[in-house]
Amino acid sequence: MSVARTTEITAVSPESFDEAMNVGLERAKQTLRRVREAWVKDQTIMLDEEDGSITGYQVRLSVTFVLE
């Protein structure tokens, strides 16, 4: 029997939501072992205050990993 834990992380990319997701997952795997799944809980576009152009893509991930 195994026990899993979930943690929430936020990652940002100037390129795309996919890139932000990959950045977040790669960073999570550096610290957490046995990462099993991730769920994109939220996506946010960050805008420039002056002209309204997109400056970044942010994702909030719920990452599940199995405890040793």
C-alpha atoms as a PDB file:
ATOM      1  CA  MET A   1       0.000   0.000   0.000  1.00  0.00           C
ATOM      2  CA  SER A   2       1.245   3.493  -0.769  1.00  0.00           C
ATOM      3  CA  VAL A   3       0.419   6.923   0.550  1.00  0.00           C
ATOM      4  CA  ALA A   4       0.442  10.015  -1.647  1.00  0.00           C
ATOM      5  CA  ARG A   5       0.582  13.692  -0.884  1.00  0.00           C
ATOM      6  CA  THR A   6      -0.465  16.674  -2.983  1.00  0.00           C
ATOM      7  CA  THR A   7       1.199  20.060  -3.067  1.00  0.00           C
ATOM      8  CA  GLU A   8       0.277  23.172  -5.009  1.00  0.00           C
ATOM      9  CA  ILE A   9       2.790  25.136  -7.072  1.00  0.00           C
ATOM     10  CA  THR A  10       2.616  28.149  -9.367  1.00  0.00           C
ATOM     11  CA  ALA A  11       4.812  28.613 -12.436  1.00  0.00           C
ATOM     12  CA  VAL A  12       5.159  31.404 -14.998  1.00  0.00           C
ATOM     13  CA  SER A  13       6.421  31.581 -18.585  1.00  0.00           C
ATOM     14  CA  PRO A  14       6.606  34.471 -21.029  1.00  0.00           C
ATOM     15  CA  GLU A  15       5.916  32.004 -23.882  1.00  0.00           C
ATOM     16  CA  SER A  16       2.801  29.893 -23.214  1.00  0.00           C
ATOM     17  CA  PHE A  17       0.686  27.949 -20.737  1.00  0.00           C
ATOM     18  CA  ASP A  18       2.364  24.721 -21.911  1.00  0.00           C
ATOM     19  CA  GLU A  19       5.796  26.136 -21.179  1.00  0.00           C
ATOM     20  CA  ALA A  20       4.670  27.356 -17.731  1.00  0.00           C
ATOM     21  CA  MET A  21       3.335  23.864 -16.993  1.00  0.00           C
ATOM     22  CA  ASN A  22       6.633  22.272 -18.059  1.00  0.00           C
ATOM     23  CA  VAL A  23       8.652  24.755 -15.989  1.00  0.00           C
ATOM     24  CA  GLY A  24       6.547  23.967 -12.925  1.00  0.00           C
ATOM     25  CA  LEU A  25       6.765  20.198 -13.375  1.00  0.00           C
ATOM     26  CA  GLU A  26      10.516  20.229 -13.981  1.00  0.00           C
ATOM     27  CA  ARG A  27      11.050  22.306 -10.850  1.00  0.00           C
ATOM     28  CA  ALA A  28       8.776  20.042  -8.797  1.00  0.00           C
ATOM     29  CA  LYS A  29      10.726  16.966  -9.934  1.00  0.00           C
ATOM     30  CA  GLN A  30      13.968  18.552  -8.680  1.00  0.00           C
ATOM     31  CA  THR A  31      12.604  18.635  -5.130  1.00  0.00           C
ATOM     32  CA  LEU A  32       9.919  15.934  -4.990  1.00  0.00           C
ATOM     33  CA  ARG A  33      10.520  12.258  -5.639  1.00  0.00           C
ATOM     34  CA  ARG A  34       8.040   9.847  -7.173  1.00  0.00           C
ATOM     35  CA  VAL A  35       5.863  12.522  -8.814  1.00  0.00           C
ATOM     36  CA  ARG A  36       2.870  10.664 -10.236  1.00  0.00           C
ATOM     37  CA  GLU A  37       0.470  13.245 -11.652  1.00  0.00           C
ATOM     38  CA  ALA A  38      -0.379  16.909 -11.890  1.00  0.00           C
ATOM     39  CA  TRP A  39      -3.624  18.764 -12.328  1.00  0.00           C
ATOM     40  CA  VAL A  40      -3.822  22.252 -13.827  1.00  0.00           C
ATOM     41  CA  LYS A  41      -6.091  24.013 -11.352  1.00  0.00           C
ATOM     42  CA  ASP A  42      -5.945  27.499 -12.823  1.00  0.00           C
ATOM     43  CA  GLN A  43      -4.504  29.468 -15.732  1.00  0.00           C
ATOM     44  CA  THR A  44      -3.913  33.217 -15.674  1.00  0.00           C
ATOM     45  CA  ILE A  45      -2.673  35.635 -18.317  1.00  0.00           C
ATOM     46  CA  MET A  46      -0.573  38.494 -17.003  1.00  0.00           C
ATOM     47  CA  LEU A  47      -0.996  41.808 -18.828  1.00  0.00           C
ATOM     48  CA  ASP A  48       1.095  44.942 -19.258  1.00  0.00           C
ATOM     49  CA  GLU A  49      -0.511  47.798 -17.323  1.00  0.00           C
ATOM     50  CA  GLU A  50       0.095  50.363 -20.041  1.00  0.00           C
ATOM     51  CA  ASP A  51      -0.943  48.706 -23.292  1.00  0.00           C
ATOM     52  CA  GLY A  52      -2.705  45.526 -22.166  1.00  0.00           C
ATOM     53  CA  SER A  53      -0.351  43.204 -24.049  1.00  0.00           C
ATOM     54  CA  ILE A  54       0.303  39.734 -22.679  1.00  0.00           C
ATOM     55  CA  THR A  55       3.493  39.616 -20.601  1.00  0.00           C
ATOM     56  CA  GLY A  56       3.241  36.143 -19.111  1.00  0.00           C
ATOM     57  CA  TYR A  57       1.307  32.921 -18.684  1.00  0.00           C
ATOM     58  CA  GLN A  58       0.798  31.523 -15.196  1.00  0.00           C
ATOM     59  CA  VAL A  59      -0.449  28.078 -14.182  1.00  0.00           C
ATOM     60  CA  ARG A  60      -1.375  26.774 -10.752  1.00  0.00           C
ATOM     61  CA  LEU A  61      -0.654  23.052 -10.487  1.00  0.00           C
ATOM     62  CA  SER A  62      -1.660  20.469  -7.936  1.00  0.00           C
ATOM     63  CA  VAL A  63       1.193  17.927  -7.973  1.00  0.00           C
ATOM     64  CA  THR A  64       0.768  14.447  -6.480  1.00  0.00           C
ATOM     65  CA  PHE A  65       3.747  12.398  -5.310  1.00  0.00           C
ATOM     66  CA  VAL A  66       4.032   9.090  -3.443  1.00  0.00           C
ATOM     67  CA  LEU A  67       5.615   9.183   0.004  1.00  0.00           C
ATOM     68  CA  GLU A  68       8.483   6.822   0.741  1.00  0.00           C
END
